[in-house]
Amino acid sequence: MSTSISSLFLNASSVAANASLNQAPASRPQPAANTATDTVRLTEAQQVDQLYNQGQRVSQIASNLSLTEAAVNSYLDLSATG
């Protein structure tokens, strides 16, 4: 009885492939619960820029951030007439 080496490797790899297909997919490890929250503090200029880019008008931004319209225009490098 003779067995070729190539058939041994094919049989071994087939068994390994079938074994991995029959196993349940490995579940991903869940990150540990983080009780501390991450916060980012934006400067007034960053807040103004963000609100302006979201489509708010200068008057709305000034009101929301308790700033004057002149201050908002200054942060945005806008002239009072522009």
PDB file of N, CA and C in Angstrom:
ATOM      1  N   MET A   1       0.855  -1.173   0.000  1.00  0.00           N
ATOM      2  CA  MET A   1       0.000   0.000   0.000  1.00  0.00           C
ATOM      3  C   MET A   1       0.893   1.225   0.000  1.00  0.00           C
ATOM      4  N   SER A   2       0.663   2.092  -0.950  1.00  0.00           N
ATOM      5  CA  SER A   2       1.475   3.302  -1.003  1.00  0.00           C
ATOM      6  C   SER A   2       0.560   4.525  -0.967  1.00  0.00           C
ATOM      7  N   THR A   3       1.045   5.520  -0.283  1.00  0.00           N
ATOM      8  CA  THR A   3       0.304   6.770  -0.188  1.00  0.00           C
ATOM      9  C   THR A   3       1.224   7.876  -0.631  1.00  0.00           C
ATOM     10  N   SER A   4       0.733   8.708  -1.505  1.00  0.00           N
ATOM     11  CA  SER A   4       1.583   9.796  -1.963  1.00  0.00           C
ATOM     12  C   SER A   4       1.540  10.937  -0.953  1.00  0.00           C
ATOM     13  N   ILE A   5       2.604  11.680  -0.902  1.00  0.00           N
ATOM     14  CA  ILE A   5       2.708  12.783   0.047  1.00  0.00           C
ATOM     15  C   ILE A   5       1.697  13.874  -0.291  1.00  0.00           C
ATOM     16  N   SER A   6       1.491  14.147  -1.556  1.00  0.00           N
ATOM     17  CA  SER A   6       0.566  15.212  -1.941  1.00  0.00           C
ATOM     18  C   SER A   6      -0.852  14.929  -1.465  1.00  0.00           C
ATOM     19  N   SER A   7      -1.274  13.661  -1.498  1.00  0.00           N
ATOM     20  CA  SER A   7      -2.626  13.367  -1.047  1.00  0.00           C
ATOM     21  C   SER A   7      -2.746  13.516   0.463  1.00  0.00           C
ATOM     22  N   LEU A   8      -1.673  13.272   1.197  1.00  0.00           N
ATOM     23  CA  LEU A   8      -1.702  13.473   2.642  1.00  0.00           C
ATOM     24  C   LEU A   8      -1.894  14.947   2.969  1.00  0.00           C
ATOM     25  N   PHE A   9      -1.179  15.808   2.263  1.00  0.00           N
ATOM     26  CA  PHE A   9      -1.310  17.248   2.516  1.00  0.00           C
ATOM     27  C   PHE A   9      -2.687  17.759   2.116  1.00  0.00           C
ATOM     28  N   LEU A  10      -3.210  17.233   1.022  1.00  0.00           N
ATOM     29  CA  LEU A  10      -4.538  17.655   0.598  1.00  0.00           C
ATOM     30  C   LEU A  10      -5.582  17.222   1.621  1.00  0.00           C
ATOM     31  N   ASN A  11      -5.464  16.017   2.108  1.00  0.00           N
ATOM     32  CA  ASN A  11      -6.432  15.532   3.092  1.00  0.00           C
ATOM     33  C   ASN A  11      -6.328  16.322   4.389  1.00  0.00           C
ATOM     34  N   ALA A  12      -5.119  16.619   4.828  1.00  0.00           N
ATOM     35  CA  ALA A  12      -4.934  17.363   6.074  1.00  0.00           C
ATOM     36  C   ALA A  12      -5.479  18.777   5.938  1.00  0.00           C
ATOM     37  N   SER A  13      -5.228  19.423   4.805  1.00  0.00           N
ATOM     38  CA  SER A  13      -5.720  20.785   4.631  1.00  0.00           C
ATOM     39  C   SER A  13      -7.236  20.806   4.473  1.00  0.00           C
ATOM     40  N   SER A  14      -7.803  19.772   3.861  1.00  0.00           N
ATOM     41  CA  SER A  14      -9.260  19.699   3.731  1.00  0.00           C
ATOM     42  C   SER A  14      -9.922  19.541   5.085  1.00  0.00           C
ATOM     43  N   VAL A  15      -9.331  18.722   5.927  1.00  0.00           N
ATOM     44  CA  VAL A  15      -9.867  18.516   7.269  1.00  0.00           C
ATOM     45  C   VAL A  15      -9.789  19.813   8.060  1.00  0.00           C
ATOM     46  N   ALA A  16      -8.680  20.511   7.969  1.00  0.00           N
ATOM     47  CA  ALA A  16      -8.521  21.765   8.702  1.00  0.00           C
ATOM     48  C   ALA A  16      -9.512  22.815   8.202  1.00  0.00           C
ATOM     49  N   ALA A  17      -9.718  22.877   6.903  1.00  0.00           N
ATOM     50  CA  ALA A  17     -10.649  23.851   6.338  1.00  0.00           C
ATOM     51  C   ALA A  17     -12.075  23.541   6.777  1.00  0.00           C
ATOM     52  N   ASN A  18     -12.448  22.276   6.744  1.00  0.00           N
ATOM     53  CA  ASN A  18     -13.794  21.893   7.165  1.00  0.00           C
ATOM     54  C   ASN A  18     -14.004  22.145   8.648  1.00  0.00           C
ATOM     55  N   ALA A  19     -12.981  21.923   9.441  1.00  0.00           N
ATOM     56  CA  ALA A  19     -13.099  22.146  10.882  1.00  0.00           C
ATOM     57  C   ALA A  19     -13.323  23.621  11.170  1.00  0.00           C
ATOM     58  N   SER A  20     -12.630  24.495  10.440  1.00  0.00           N
ATOM     59  CA  SER A  20     -12.805  25.924  10.696  1.00  0.00           C
ATOM     60  C   SER A  20     -14.171  26.410  10.216  1.00  0.00           C
ATOM     61  N   LEU A  21     -14.732  25.781   9.195  1.00  0.00           N
ATOM     62  CA  LEU A  21     -16.048  26.175   8.710  1.00  0.00           C
ATOM     63  C   LEU A  21     -17.149  25.748   9.665  1.00  0.00           C
ATOM     64  N   ASN A  22     -16.942  24.665  10.372  1.00  0.00           N
ATOM     65  CA  ASN A  22     -17.960  24.142  11.275  1.00  0.00           C
ATOM     66  C   ASN A  22     -17.968  24.849  12.626  1.00  0.00           C
ATOM     67  N   GLN A  23     -16.947  25.599  12.915  1.00  0.00           N
ATOM     68  CA  GLN A  23     -16.896  26.285  14.201  1.00  0.00           C
ATOM     69  C   GLN A  23     -17.738  27.551  14.143  1.00  0.00           C
ATOM     70  N   ALA A  24     -18.287  27.922  15.288  1.00  0.00           N
ATOM     71  CA  ALA A  24     -19.042  29.168  15.374  1.00  0.00           C
ATOM     72  C   ALA A  24     -18.069  30.327  15.215  1.00  0.00           C
ATOM     73  N   PRO A  25     -18.507  31.413  14.588  1.00  0.00           N
ATOM     74  CA  PRO A  25     -17.600  32.556  14.426  1.00  0.00           C
ATOM     75  C   PRO A  25     -17.189  33.099  15.785  1.00  0.00           C
ATOM     76  N   ALA A  26     -15.943  33.476  15.857  1.00  0.00           N
ATOM     77  CA  ALA A  26     -15.421  34.011  17.120  1.00  0.00           C
ATOM     78  C   ALA A  26     -16.074  35.350  17.413  1.00  0.00           C
ATOM     79  N   SER A  27     -16.503  35.524  18.629  1.00  0.00           N
ATOM     80  CA  SER A  27     -17.112  36.806  18.982  1.00  0.00           C
ATOM     81  C   SER A  27     -16.015  37.807  19.269  1.00  0.00           C
ATOM     82  N   ARG A  28     -16.284  39.036  18.912  1.00  0.00           N
ATOM     83  CA  ARG A  28     -15.299  40.094  19.149  1.00  0.00           C
ATOM     84  C   ARG A  28     -15.317  40.473  20.619  1.00  0.00           C
ATOM     85  N   PRO A  29     -14.159  40.694  21.167  1.00  0.00           N
ATOM     86  CA  PRO A  29     -14.130  41.114  22.567  1.00  0.00           C
ATOM     87  C   PRO A  29     -14.753  42.499  22.712  1.00  0.00           C
ATOM     88  N   GLN A  30     -15.568  42.651  23.710  1.00  0.00           N
ATOM     89  CA  GLN A  30     -16.220  43.925  23.967  1.00  0.00           C
ATOM     90  C   GLN A  30     -15.293  44.811  24.786  1.00  0.00           C
ATOM     91  N   PRO A  31     -15.234  46.094  24.453  1.00  0.00           N
ATOM     92  CA  PRO A  31     -14.393  46.987  25.250  1.00  0.00           C
ATOM     93  C   PRO A  31     -14.939  47.092  26.669  1.00  0.00           C
ATOM     94  N   ALA A  32     -14.035  47.281  27.580  1.00  0.00           N
ATOM     95  CA  ALA A  32     -14.441  47.427  28.975  1.00  0.00           C
ATOM     96  C   ALA A  32     -15.290  48.674  29.122  1.00  0.00           C
ATOM     97  N   ALA A  33     -16.265  48.613  29.985  1.00  0.00           N
ATOM     98  CA  ALA A  33     -17.131  49.770  30.220  1.00  0.00           C
ATOM     99  C   ALA A  33     -16.297  50.902  30.798  1.00  0.00           C
ATOM    100  N   ASN A  34     -16.383  52.028  30.170  1.00  0.00           N
ATOM    101  CA  ASN A  34     -15.619  53.194  30.612  1.00  0.00           C
ATOM    102  C   ASN A  34     -16.576  54.132  31.321  1.00  0.00           C
ATOM    103  N   THR A  35     -16.394  54.283  32.595  1.00  0.00           N
ATOM    104  CA  THR A  35     -17.308  55.139  33.341  1.00  0.00           C
ATOM    105  C   THR A  35     -16.959  56.605  33.183  1.00  0.00           C
ATOM    106  N   ALA A  36     -15.736  56.903  32.815  1.00  0.00           N
ATOM    107  CA  ALA A  36     -15.344  58.297  32.593  1.00  0.00           C
ATOM    108  C   ALA A  36     -15.749  58.693  31.178  1.00  0.00           C
ATOM    109  N   THR A  37     -16.264  59.878  31.020  1.00  0.00           N
ATOM    110  CA  THR A  37     -16.646  60.348  29.695  1.00  0.00           C
ATOM    111  C   THR A  37     -15.577  61.284  29.164  1.00  0.00           C
ATOM    112  N   ASP A  38     -15.359  61.201  27.886  1.00  0.00           N
ATOM    113  CA  ASP A  38     -14.403  62.092  27.237  1.00  0.00           C
ATOM    114  C   ASP A  38     -15.141  63.346  26.802  1.00  0.00           C
ATOM    115  N   THR A  39     -14.552  64.475  27.076  1.00  0.00           N
ATOM    116  CA  THR A  39     -15.154  65.732  26.662  1.00  0.00           C
ATOM    117  C   THR A  39     -14.122  66.568  25.930  1.00  0.00           C
ATOM    118  N   VAL A  40     -14.618  67.382  25.053  1.00  0.00           N
ATOM    119  CA  VAL A  40     -13.771  68.309  24.314  1.00  0.00           C
ATOM    120  C   VAL A  40     -14.327  69.693  24.541  1.00  0.00           C
ATOM    121  N   ARG A  41     -13.488  70.583  24.962  1.00  0.00           N
ATOM    122  CA  ARG A  41     -13.917  71.965  25.168  1.00  0.00           C
ATOM    123  C   ARG A  41     -13.446  72.799  23.982  1.00  0.00           C
ATOM    124  N   LEU A  42     -14.413  73.462  23.352  1.00  0.00           N
ATOM    125  CA  LEU A  42     -14.109  74.316  22.212  1.00  0.00           C
ATOM    126  C   LEU A  42     -13.998  75.758  22.678  1.00  0.00           C
ATOM    127  N   THR A  43     -13.097  76.478  22.059  1.00  0.00           N
ATOM    128  CA  THR A  43     -13.006  77.908  22.347  1.00  0.00           C
ATOM    129  C   THR A  43     -14.221  78.600  21.741  1.00  0.00           C
ATOM    130  N   GLU A  44     -14.436  79.845  22.127  1.00  0.00           N
ATOM    131  CA  GLU A  44     -15.551  80.602  21.529  1.00  0.00           C
ATOM    132  C   GLU A  44     -15.396  80.676  20.015  1.00  0.00           C
ATOM    133  N   ALA A  45     -14.172  80.913  19.558  1.00  0.00           N
ATOM    134  CA  ALA A  45     -13.932  81.011  18.118  1.00  0.00           C
ATOM    135  C   ALA A  45     -14.287  79.706  17.415  1.00  0.00           C
ATOM    136  N   GLN A  46     -13.940  78.576  18.020  1.00  0.00           N
ATOM    137  CA  GLN A  46     -14.260  77.281  17.420  1.00  0.00           C
ATOM    138  C   GLN A  46     -15.762  77.028  17.424  1.00  0.00           C
ATOM    139  N   GLN A  47     -16.426  77.427  18.499  1.00  0.00           N
ATOM    140  CA  GLN A  47     -17.878  77.264  18.567  1.00  0.00           C
ATOM    141  C   GLN A  47     -18.559  78.105  17.500  1.00  0.00           C
ATOM    142  N   VAL A  48     -18.106  79.350  17.356  1.00  0.00           N
ATOM    143  CA  VAL A  48     -18.677  80.246  16.345  1.00  0.00           C
ATOM    144  C   VAL A  48     -18.487  79.642  14.959  1.00  0.00           C
ATOM    145  N   ASP A  49     -17.273  79.172  14.681  1.00  0.00           N
ATOM    146  CA  ASP A  49     -16.970  78.592  13.376  1.00  0.00           C
ATOM    147  C   ASP A  49     -17.833  77.365  13.113  1.00  0.00           C
ATOM    148  N   GLN A  50     -17.984  76.512  14.110  1.00  0.00           N
ATOM    149  CA  GLN A  50     -18.782  75.311  13.952  1.00  0.00           C
ATOM    150  C   GLN A  50     -20.256  75.638  13.681  1.00  0.00           C
ATOM    151  N   LEU A  51     -20.812  76.551  14.452  1.00  0.00           N
ATOM    152  CA  LEU A  51     -22.217  76.930  14.266  1.00  0.00           C
ATOM    153  C   LEU A  51     -22.437  77.592  12.911  1.00  0.00           C
ATOM    154  N   TYR A  52     -21.488  78.433  12.496  1.00  0.00           N
ATOM    155  CA  TYR A  52     -21.591  79.101  11.201  1.00  0.00           C
ATOM    156  C   TYR A  52     -21.558  78.070  10.067  1.00  0.00           C
ATOM    157  N   ASN A  53     -20.670  77.069  10.197  1.00  0.00           N
ATOM    158  CA  ASN A  53     -20.571  76.023   9.175  1.00  0.00           C
ATOM    159  C   ASN A  53     -21.805  75.124   9.160  1.00  0.00           C
ATOM    160  N   GLN A  54     -22.546  75.094  10.261  1.00  0.00           N
ATOM    161  CA  GLN A  54     -23.786  74.325  10.310  1.00  0.00           C
ATOM    162  C   GLN A  54     -24.958  75.109   9.730  1.00  0.00           C
ATOM    163  N   GLY A  55     -24.707  76.363   9.343  1.00  0.00           N
ATOM    164  CA  GLY A  55     -25.730  77.145   8.667  1.00  0.00           C
ATOM    165  C   GLY A  55     -26.442  78.173   9.529  1.00  0.00           C
ATOM    166  N   GLN A  56     -25.986  78.383  10.761  1.00  0.00           N
ATOM    167  CA  GLN A  56     -26.640  79.389  11.599  1.00  0.00           C
ATOM    168  C   GLN A  56     -26.204  80.784  11.170  1.00  0.00           C
ATOM    169  N   ARG A  57     -27.129  81.715  11.300  1.00  0.00           N
ATOM    170  CA  ARG A  57     -26.835  83.109  10.983  1.00  0.00           C
ATOM    171  C   ARG A  57     -26.043  83.735  12.121  1.00  0.00           C
ATOM    172  N   VAL A  58     -25.373  84.829  11.817  1.00  0.00           N
ATOM    173  CA  VAL A  58     -24.555  85.538  12.799  1.00  0.00           C
ATOM    174  C   VAL A  58     -25.395  85.926  14.013  1.00  0.00           C
ATOM    175  N   SER A  59     -26.606  86.415  13.773  1.00  0.00           N
ATOM    176  CA  SER A  59     -27.462  86.824  14.888  1.00  0.00           C
ATOM    177  C   SER A  59     -27.832  85.634  15.780  1.00  0.00           C
ATOM    178  N   GLN A  60     -28.065  84.482  15.178  1.00  0.00           N
ATOM    179  CA  GLN A  60     -28.383  83.276  15.959  1.00  0.00           C
ATOM    180  C   GLN A  60     -27.184  82.840  16.798  1.00  0.00           C
ATOM    181  N   ILE A  61     -26.024  82.879  16.190  1.00  0.00           N
ATOM    182  CA  ILE A  61     -24.805  82.474  16.905  1.00  0.00           C
ATOM    183  C   ILE A  61     -24.561  83.406  18.076  1.00  0.00           C
ATOM    184  N   ALA A  62     -24.697  84.703  17.824  1.00  0.00           N
ATOM    185  CA  ALA A  62     -24.485  85.689  18.882  1.00  0.00           C
ATOM    186  C   ALA A  62     -25.439  85.440  20.039  1.00  0.00           C
ATOM    187  N   SER A  63     -26.676  85.168  19.733  1.00  0.00           N
ATOM    188  CA  SER A  63     -27.668  84.918  20.764  1.00  0.00           C
ATOM    189  C   SER A  63     -27.367  83.629  21.530  1.00  0.00           C
ATOM    190  N   ASN A  64     -27.042  82.569  20.812  1.00  0.00           N
ATOM    191  CA  ASN A  64     -26.778  81.268  21.439  1.00  0.00           C
ATOM    192  C   ASN A  64     -25.558  81.284  22.342  1.00  0.00           C
ATOM    193  N   LEU A  65     -24.546  82.059  21.971  1.00  0.00           N
ATOM    194  CA  LEU A  65     -23.299  82.074  22.743  1.00  0.00           C
ATOM    195  C   LEU A  65     -23.168  83.304  23.636  1.00  0.00           C
ATOM    196  N   SER A  66     -24.219  84.102  23.698  1.00  0.00           N
ATOM    197  CA  SER A  66     -24.211  85.337  24.500  1.00  0.00           C
ATOM    198  C   SER A  66     -23.042  86.252  24.111  1.00  0.00           C
ATOM    199  N   LEU A  67     -22.906  86.436  22.805  1.00  0.00           N
ATOM    200  CA  LEU A  67     -21.880  87.317  22.260  1.00  0.00           C
ATOM    201  C   LEU A  67     -22.564  88.426  21.471  1.00  0.00           C
ATOM    202  N   THR A  68     -21.812  89.463  21.179  1.00  0.00           N
ATOM    203  CA  THR A  68     -22.338  90.496  20.295  1.00  0.00           C
ATOM    204  C   THR A  68     -22.147  90.026  18.848  1.00  0.00           C
ATOM    205  N   GLU A  69     -22.935  90.595  17.958  1.00  0.00           N
ATOM    206  CA  GLU A  69     -22.764  90.259  16.544  1.00  0.00           C
ATOM    207  C   GLU A  69     -21.399  90.700  16.046  1.00  0.00           C
ATOM    208  N   ALA A  70     -20.893  91.795  16.589  1.00  0.00           N
ATOM    209  CA  ALA A  70     -19.563  92.267  16.203  1.00  0.00           C
ATOM    210  C   ALA A  70     -18.499  91.238  16.589  1.00  0.00           C
ATOM    211  N   ALA A  71     -18.643  90.610  17.751  1.00  0.00           N
ATOM    212  CA  ALA A  71     -17.682  89.593  18.183  1.00  0.00           C
ATOM    213  C   ALA A  71     -17.741  88.374  17.266  1.00  0.00           C
ATOM    214  N   VAL A  72     -18.946  87.965  16.905  1.00  0.00           N
ATOM    215  CA  VAL A  72     -19.117  86.819  16.008  1.00  0.00           C
ATOM    216  C   VAL A  72     -18.498  87.140  14.655  1.00  0.00           C
ATOM    217  N   ASN A  73     -18.776  88.344  14.138  1.00  0.00           N
ATOM    218  CA  ASN A  73     -18.192  88.756  12.857  1.00  0.00           C
ATOM    219  C   ASN A  73     -16.668  88.769  12.934  1.00  0.00           C
ATOM    220  N   SER A  74     -16.148  89.201  14.068  1.00  0.00           N
ATOM    221  CA  SER A  74     -14.696  89.237  14.255  1.00  0.00           C
ATOM    222  C   SER A  74     -14.118  87.822  14.216  1.00  0.00           C
ATOM    223  N   TYR A  75     -14.760  86.886  14.902  1.00  0.00           N
ATOM    224  CA  TYR A  75     -14.289  85.495  14.892  1.00  0.00           C
ATOM    225  C   TYR A  75     -14.323  84.907  13.485  1.00  0.00           C
ATOM    226  N   LEU A  76     -15.313  85.321  12.706  1.00  0.00           N
ATOM    227  CA  LEU A  76     -15.484  84.790  11.351  1.00  0.00           C
ATOM    228  C   LEU A  76     -14.737  85.610  10.313  1.00  0.00           C
ATOM    229  N   ASP A  77     -14.054  86.658  10.740  1.00  0.00           N
ATOM    230  CA  ASP A  77     -13.360  87.558   9.819  1.00  0.00           C
ATOM    231  C   ASP A  77     -14.305  88.143   8.782  1.00  0.00           C
ATOM    232  N   LEU A  78     -15.516  88.471   9.233  1.00  0.00           N
ATOM    233  CA  LEU A  78     -16.510  89.099   8.370  1.00  0.00           C
ATOM    234  C   LEU A  78     -16.603  90.570   8.723  1.00  0.00           C
ATOM    235  N   SER A  79     -16.882  91.381   7.731  1.00  0.00           N
ATOM    236  CA  SER A  79     -17.134  92.780   8.024  1.00  0.00           C
ATOM    237  C   SER A  79     -18.570  92.909   8.521  1.00  0.00           C
ATOM    238  N   ALA A  80     -18.874  93.973   9.211  1.00  0.00           N
ATOM    239  CA  ALA A  80     -20.212  94.174   9.758  1.00  0.00           C
ATOM    240  C   ALA A  80     -21.265  94.249   8.655  1.00  0.00           C
ATOM    241  N   THR A  81     -20.881  94.640   7.460  1.00  0.00           N
ATOM    242  CA  THR A  81     -21.835  94.740   6.361  1.00  0.00           C
ATOM    243  C   THR A  81     -21.880  93.478   5.524  1.00  0.00           C
ATOM    244  N   GLY A  82     -20.902  92.567   5.713  1.00  0.00           N
ATOM    245  CA  GLY A  82     -20.825  91.368   4.869  1.00  0.00           C
ATOM    246  C   GLY A  82     -21.422  90.236   5.504  1.00  0.00           C
TER     247      GLY A  82
END
